Amino acid sequence: MRLMASSLYLPQHTETNEAVIEFFEQQNVSMQKIQSQLGRGTRHVLRDVSEDNTFSMAVESARQALEIGPLTIRDIDPILFVT
């Protein structure tokens, strides 16, 4: 078995990390240092009302991988799904 293509799908909506930092700091956990080390100021999140879910995002990612890879759906045995 070998990896022929990979893809990812991210929800369109992004939020800053401020809400996450505030939540953990209310629990007396310092997130400022962790967030600064990660170097990421925003994250992709699903809104409360969204047509996206883990299954629909996996399907879209698989479609994208098939478009860029040399295989067709008939050539594929496993599809790995990681969240």
Protein backbone atom coordinates (compact mmCIF):
# COMPACT_ATOMS: atom_id res chain seq x y z
CA MET A 1 0.00 0.00 0.00
CA ARG A 2 1.20 3.49 -0.76
CA LEU A 3 -0.19 6.98 -0.54
CA MET A 4 -1.07 8.30 -3.98
CA ALA A 5 -2.82 11.56 -3.05
CA SER A 6 -4.03 13.44 -0.03
CA SER A 7 -6.29 16.38 0.51
CA LEU A 8 -8.02 18.29 3.25
CA TYR A 9 -11.19 20.27 3.59
CA LEU A 10 -11.51 23.19 5.97
CA PRO A 11 -14.74 24.93 6.93
CA GLN A 12 -14.97 28.41 5.44
CA HIS A 13 -15.64 30.14 8.77
CA THR A 14 -12.58 31.19 10.77
CA GLU A 15 -12.28 32.57 14.28
CA THR A 16 -9.41 34.09 16.16
CA ASN A 17 -7.90 32.21 19.06
CA GLU A 18 -8.98 34.89 21.56
CA ALA A 19 -12.13 32.99 22.64
CA VAL A 20 -10.12 29.80 23.21
CA ILE A 21 -7.44 31.67 25.13
CA GLU A 22 -10.05 33.39 27.29
CA PHE A 23 -11.83 30.11 28.05
CA PHE A 24 -8.67 28.35 29.25
CA GLU A 25 -7.39 31.34 31.17
CA GLN A 26 -10.68 31.38 33.11
CA GLN A 27 -9.68 27.85 34.15
CA ASN A 28 -6.25 29.23 35.26
CA VAL A 29 -4.47 27.65 32.29
CA SER A 30 -2.13 30.01 30.45
CA MET A 31 -2.71 29.62 26.73
CA GLN A 32 -0.84 32.72 25.54
CA LYS A 33 2.52 30.92 25.51
CA ILE A 34 1.08 27.83 23.81
CA GLN A 35 -0.67 29.88 21.14
CA SER A 36 2.40 32.01 20.45
CA GLN A 37 4.50 28.87 20.01
CA LEU A 38 1.97 27.38 17.56
CA GLY A 39 2.11 30.52 15.46
CA ARG A 40 -1.51 30.23 14.41
CA GLY A 41 -3.79 33.20 14.98
CA THR A 42 -6.98 31.75 13.54
CA ARG A 43 -8.70 28.39 13.30
CA HIS A 44 -11.32 26.98 10.96
CA VAL A 45 -14.51 26.07 12.79
CA LEU A 46 -18.02 24.98 11.99
CA ARG A 47 -20.74 27.43 12.85
CA ASP A 48 -23.62 26.29 15.03
CA VAL A 49 -25.82 26.16 11.93
CA SER A 50 -23.83 24.62 9.10
CA GLU A 51 -24.37 22.21 6.26
CA ASP A 52 -20.89 20.84 6.89
CA ASN A 53 -20.20 17.94 9.24
CA THR A 54 -17.32 15.48 9.55
CA PHE A 55 -18.83 13.17 6.94
CA SER A 56 -19.51 15.87 4.34
CA MET A 57 -16.03 17.32 4.85
CA ALA A 58 -14.46 13.86 4.42
CA VAL A 59 -16.40 13.30 1.20
CA GLU A 60 -15.27 16.67 -0.20
CA SER A 61 -11.67 15.97 0.74
CA ALA A 62 -11.83 12.54 -0.94
CA ARG A 63 -13.23 14.15 -4.10
CA GLN A 64 -10.37 16.64 -4.14
CA ALA A 65 -7.80 13.87 -3.66
CA LEU A 66 -9.28 11.95 -6.59
CA GLU A 67 -9.11 15.05 -8.77
CA ILE A 68 -5.40 15.60 -8.10
CA GLY A 69 -4.33 11.96 -7.91
CA PRO A 70 -3.76 9.42 -10.67
CA LEU A 71 -6.49 7.03 -9.49
CA THR A 72 -10.21 6.57 -9.93
CA ILE A 73 -12.64 5.51 -7.22
CA ARG A 74 -12.47 1.92 -8.55
CA ASP A 75 -8.73 1.79 -7.78
CA ILE A 76 -9.15 2.58 -4.09
CA ASP A 77 -9.39 -0.03 -1.35
CA PRO A 78 -9.12 1.97 1.92
CA ILE A 79 -9.87 5.58 2.64
CA LEU A 80 -8.26 6.88 5.84
CA PHE A 81 -10.24 9.41 7.82
CA VAL A 82 -8.60 11.38 10.64
CA THR A 83 -10.02 14.24 12.67
